[in-house]
């Protein structure tokens, strides 16, 4: 997960505005909260099982960033990009 966040921040730069979501991490019980503003990310926070919801989607807010650019930063880390 750390490599994905580093790649995302490096490839998107100042086009990256906000990232937030709950993810599932292999070997970790409970959801992990990731959140960042711009290219600055808070340390991931493990939530105890049964609190804070269940892992799911990560919301990425960016400007002047194509879906292809975003997919290029995510695909090597097994992260799928869907547009909503």
N, C-alpha and C. Protein backbone atom coordinates (compact mmCIF):
# COMPACT_ATOMS: atom_id res chain seq x y z
N UNK A 1 0.82 -1.18 0.00
CA UNK A 1 0.00 0.00 0.00
C UNK A 1 0.87 1.25 0.00
N UNK A 2 1.95 1.22 0.75
CA UNK A 2 2.84 2.39 0.81
C UNK A 2 3.43 2.70 -0.56
N UNK A 3 3.79 1.66 -1.32
CA UNK A 3 4.35 1.88 -2.65
C UNK A 3 3.32 2.51 -3.58
N UNK A 4 2.07 2.06 -3.47
CA UNK A 4 1.01 2.64 -4.30
C UNK A 4 0.82 4.11 -3.97
N UNK A 5 0.77 4.45 -2.68
CA UNK A 5 0.58 5.84 -2.27
C UNK A 5 1.74 6.70 -2.75
N UNK A 6 2.96 6.18 -2.63
CA UNK A 6 4.13 6.94 -3.09
C UNK A 6 4.08 7.17 -4.59
N UNK A 7 3.73 6.12 -5.36
CA UNK A 7 3.62 6.27 -6.81
C UNK A 7 2.51 7.23 -7.20
N UNK A 8 1.38 7.11 -6.54
CA UNK A 8 0.25 7.99 -6.82
C UNK A 8 0.65 9.45 -6.61
N UNK A 9 1.26 9.75 -5.48
CA UNK A 9 1.67 11.12 -5.18
C UNK A 9 2.74 11.61 -6.15
N UNK A 10 3.69 10.75 -6.48
CA UNK A 10 4.78 11.15 -7.38
C UNK A 10 4.27 11.40 -8.80
N UNK A 11 3.41 10.53 -9.31
CA UNK A 11 2.93 10.67 -10.68
C UNK A 11 1.91 11.80 -10.83
N UNK A 12 1.12 12.04 -9.80
CA UNK A 12 0.06 13.05 -9.90
C UNK A 12 0.51 14.43 -9.46
N UNK A 13 1.43 14.49 -8.51
CA UNK A 13 1.95 15.77 -8.04
C UNK A 13 0.85 16.70 -7.57
N UNK A 14 0.93 17.97 -7.98
CA UNK A 14 -0.02 18.97 -7.51
C UNK A 14 -1.42 18.80 -8.10
N UNK A 15 -1.58 17.85 -9.02
CA UNK A 15 -2.92 17.57 -9.56
C UNK A 15 -3.75 16.75 -8.57
N UNK A 16 -3.07 16.10 -7.62
CA UNK A 16 -3.75 15.29 -6.61
C UNK A 16 -4.25 16.21 -5.50
N UNK A 17 -5.56 16.21 -5.27
CA UNK A 17 -6.15 17.10 -4.27
C UNK A 17 -6.47 16.38 -2.96
N UNK A 18 -7.10 15.19 -3.06
CA UNK A 18 -7.56 14.51 -1.85
C UNK A 18 -7.68 13.02 -2.10
N UNK A 19 -7.30 12.21 -1.12
CA UNK A 19 -7.44 10.76 -1.16
C UNK A 19 -7.96 10.31 0.19
N UNK A 20 -9.00 9.48 0.18
CA UNK A 20 -9.54 9.00 1.44
C UNK A 20 -10.29 7.70 1.21
N UNK A 21 -10.12 6.75 2.11
CA UNK A 21 -10.88 5.51 2.01
C UNK A 21 -10.44 4.47 3.02
N UNK A 22 -11.25 3.45 3.11
CA UNK A 22 -10.95 2.30 3.95
C UNK A 22 -10.51 1.16 3.04
N UNK A 23 -9.38 0.55 3.37
CA UNK A 23 -8.86 -0.54 2.55
C UNK A 23 -8.62 -1.76 3.42
N UNK A 24 -8.54 -2.90 2.75
CA UNK A 24 -8.22 -4.15 3.41
C UNK A 24 -6.76 -4.46 3.11
N UNK A 25 -6.00 -4.79 4.14
CA UNK A 25 -4.58 -5.09 3.99
C UNK A 25 -4.36 -6.54 4.44
N UNK A 26 -3.72 -7.32 3.59
CA UNK A 26 -3.45 -8.72 3.92
C UNK A 26 -2.70 -8.82 5.25
N UNK A 27 -3.18 -9.70 6.12
CA UNK A 27 -2.53 -9.91 7.40
C UNK A 27 -2.93 -8.93 8.48
N UNK A 28 -3.82 -8.00 8.16
CA UNK A 28 -4.26 -7.00 9.14
C UNK A 28 -5.75 -7.20 9.37
N UNK A 29 -6.13 -7.38 10.63
CA UNK A 29 -7.54 -7.54 10.96
C UNK A 29 -8.18 -6.17 11.08
N UNK A 30 -9.32 -6.00 10.44
CA UNK A 30 -10.00 -4.71 10.45
C UNK A 30 -9.59 -3.86 9.27
N UNK A 31 -10.32 -2.79 9.06
CA UNK A 31 -10.06 -1.88 7.95
C UNK A 31 -8.90 -0.94 8.28
N UNK A 32 -8.25 -0.46 7.24
CA UNK A 32 -7.17 0.52 7.39
C UNK A 32 -7.62 1.80 6.68
N UNK A 33 -7.59 2.91 7.40
CA UNK A 33 -7.98 4.20 6.86
C UNK A 33 -6.75 4.86 6.24
N UNK A 34 -6.90 5.25 4.97
CA UNK A 34 -5.85 6.05 4.34
C UNK A 34 -6.46 7.39 3.97
N UNK A 35 -5.68 8.45 4.17
CA UNK A 35 -6.17 9.78 3.82
C UNK A 35 -5.00 10.70 3.57
N UNK A 36 -5.19 11.55 2.57
CA UNK A 36 -4.15 12.50 2.22
C UNK A 36 -4.75 13.74 1.61
N UNK A 37 -4.03 14.83 1.75
CA UNK A 37 -4.37 16.10 1.13
C UNK A 37 -3.18 16.47 0.27
N UNK A 38 -3.43 16.61 -1.03
CA UNK A 38 -2.32 16.83 -1.94
C UNK A 38 -1.43 15.60 -1.93
N UNK A 39 -0.14 15.81 -1.79
CA UNK A 39 0.80 14.69 -1.75
C UNK A 39 1.23 14.36 -0.32
N UNK A 40 0.55 14.94 0.66
CA UNK A 40 0.86 14.69 2.07
C UNK A 40 -0.16 13.70 2.62
N UNK A 41 0.32 12.56 3.10
CA UNK A 41 -0.55 11.52 3.63
C UNK A 41 -0.31 11.33 5.11
N UNK A 42 -1.42 11.13 5.83
CA UNK A 42 -1.34 10.77 7.24
C UNK A 42 -0.90 9.30 7.31
N UNK A 43 -0.29 8.91 8.41
CA UNK A 43 0.03 7.48 8.55
C UNK A 43 -1.26 6.66 8.49
N UNK A 44 -1.23 5.50 7.83
CA UNK A 44 -2.43 4.65 7.80
C UNK A 44 -2.87 4.33 9.23
N UNK A 45 -4.18 4.28 9.43
CA UNK A 45 -4.74 4.04 10.76
C UNK A 45 -5.55 2.76 10.72
N UNK A 46 -5.15 1.78 11.52
CA UNK A 46 -5.89 0.52 11.60
C UNK A 46 -7.07 0.70 12.52
N UNK A 47 -8.24 0.36 12.02
CA UNK A 47 -9.46 0.45 12.81
C UNK A 47 -9.78 -0.94 13.36
N UNK A 48 -10.13 -1.05 14.63
CA UNK A 48 -10.46 -2.35 15.20
C UNK A 48 -11.64 -2.98 14.44
N UNK A 49 -11.65 -4.31 14.32
CA UNK A 49 -12.77 -4.97 13.64
C UNK A 49 -14.10 -4.54 14.24
N UNK A 50 -15.07 -4.32 13.38
CA UNK A 50 -16.40 -3.93 13.84
C UNK A 50 -16.59 -2.45 14.05
N UNK A 51 -15.56 -1.66 13.79
CA UNK A 51 -15.71 -0.20 13.94
C UNK A 51 -15.34 0.48 12.62
N UNK A 52 -15.95 1.59 12.36
CA UNK A 52 -15.55 2.41 11.22
C UNK A 52 -15.97 1.92 9.86
N UNK A 53 -16.82 0.94 9.79
CA UNK A 53 -17.26 0.47 8.49
C UNK A 53 -16.37 -0.63 7.94
N UNK A 54 -16.66 -1.04 6.73
CA UNK A 54 -15.89 -2.12 6.12
C UNK A 54 -15.08 -1.57 4.95
N UNK A 55 -13.98 -2.25 4.63
CA UNK A 55 -13.14 -1.79 3.52
C UNK A 55 -13.91 -1.76 2.22
N UNK A 56 -13.58 -0.81 1.41
CA UNK A 56 -14.26 -0.69 0.13
C UNK A 56 -13.49 0.23 -0.79
N UNK A 57 -14.14 1.21 -1.29
CA UNK A 57 -13.55 2.11 -2.28
C UNK A 57 -12.70 3.21 -1.64
N UNK A 58 -11.76 3.67 -2.44
CA UNK A 58 -10.95 4.83 -2.08
C UNK A 58 -11.36 5.95 -3.03
N UNK A 59 -11.64 7.10 -2.49
CA UNK A 59 -12.02 8.26 -3.30
C UNK A 59 -10.76 9.08 -3.57
N UNK A 60 -10.53 9.36 -4.84
CA UNK A 60 -9.40 10.19 -5.25
C UNK A 60 -9.97 11.40 -5.96
N UNK A 61 -9.66 12.57 -5.45
CA UNK A 61 -10.10 13.82 -6.08
C UNK A 61 -8.86 14.48 -6.66
N UNK A 62 -8.93 14.78 -7.96
CA UNK A 62 -7.79 15.37 -8.65
C UNK A 62 -8.31 16.32 -9.72
N UNK A 63 -7.42 17.14 -10.24
CA UNK A 63 -7.79 18.01 -11.35
C UNK A 63 -6.77 17.84 -12.47
N UNK A 64 -7.23 18.03 -13.70
CA UNK A 64 -6.39 17.88 -14.89
C UNK A 64 -5.65 16.55 -14.90
N UNK A 65 -6.36 15.49 -14.53
CA UNK A 65 -5.78 14.15 -14.48
C UNK A 65 -6.73 13.21 -15.20
N UNK A 66 -6.25 12.58 -16.25
CA UNK A 66 -7.12 11.67 -17.00
C UNK A 66 -7.24 10.34 -16.27
N UNK A 67 -8.27 9.62 -16.63
CA UNK A 67 -8.47 8.29 -16.05
C UNK A 67 -7.27 7.40 -16.41
N UNK A 68 -6.73 7.55 -17.61
CA UNK A 68 -5.58 6.75 -18.04
C UNK A 68 -4.35 7.06 -17.18
N UNK A 69 -4.13 8.34 -16.87
CA UNK A 69 -3.00 8.71 -16.00
C UNK A 69 -3.15 8.08 -14.62
N UNK A 70 -4.36 8.13 -14.10
CA UNK A 70 -4.62 7.57 -12.79
C UNK A 70 -4.45 6.05 -12.81
N UNK A 71 -4.97 5.41 -13.85
CA UNK A 71 -4.84 3.96 -13.97
C UNK A 71 -3.38 3.55 -14.08
N UNK A 72 -2.57 4.35 -14.76
CA UNK A 72 -1.14 4.06 -14.90
C UNK A 72 -0.43 4.06 -13.55
N UNK A 73 -0.85 4.93 -12.66
CA UNK A 73 -0.25 5.00 -11.33
C UNK A 73 -0.75 3.87 -10.43
N UNK A 74 -1.94 3.35 -10.71
CA UNK A 74 -2.56 2.36 -9.83
C UNK A 74 -2.36 0.92 -10.26
N UNK A 75 -2.39 0.66 -11.56
CA UNK A 75 -2.36 -0.71 -12.08
C UNK A 75 -1.19 -1.55 -11.59
N UNK A 76 0.04 -1.02 -11.53
CA UNK A 76 1.15 -1.86 -11.08
C UNK A 76 0.99 -2.36 -9.64
N UNK A 77 0.08 -1.76 -8.91
CA UNK A 77 -0.12 -2.13 -7.49
C UNK A 77 -1.42 -2.92 -7.29
N UNK A 78 -2.04 -3.32 -8.40
CA UNK A 78 -3.27 -4.12 -8.30
C UNK A 78 -4.49 -3.31 -7.91
N UNK A 79 -4.43 -2.00 -8.08
CA UNK A 79 -5.54 -1.12 -7.73
C UNK A 79 -6.32 -0.80 -9.00
N UNK A 80 -7.59 -1.14 -9.01
CA UNK A 80 -8.44 -0.88 -10.18
C UNK A 80 -9.02 0.53 -10.08
N UNK A 81 -9.13 1.20 -11.21
CA UNK A 81 -9.69 2.54 -11.27
C UNK A 81 -11.04 2.45 -11.95
N UNK A 82 -12.07 2.92 -11.25
CA UNK A 82 -13.41 3.00 -11.83
C UNK A 82 -13.87 4.43 -11.70
N UNK A 83 -14.55 4.90 -12.71
CA UNK A 83 -15.03 6.28 -12.70
C UNK A 83 -16.48 6.31 -12.25
N UNK A 84 -16.79 7.22 -11.35
CA UNK A 84 -18.17 7.35 -10.89
C UNK A 84 -18.69 8.72 -11.16
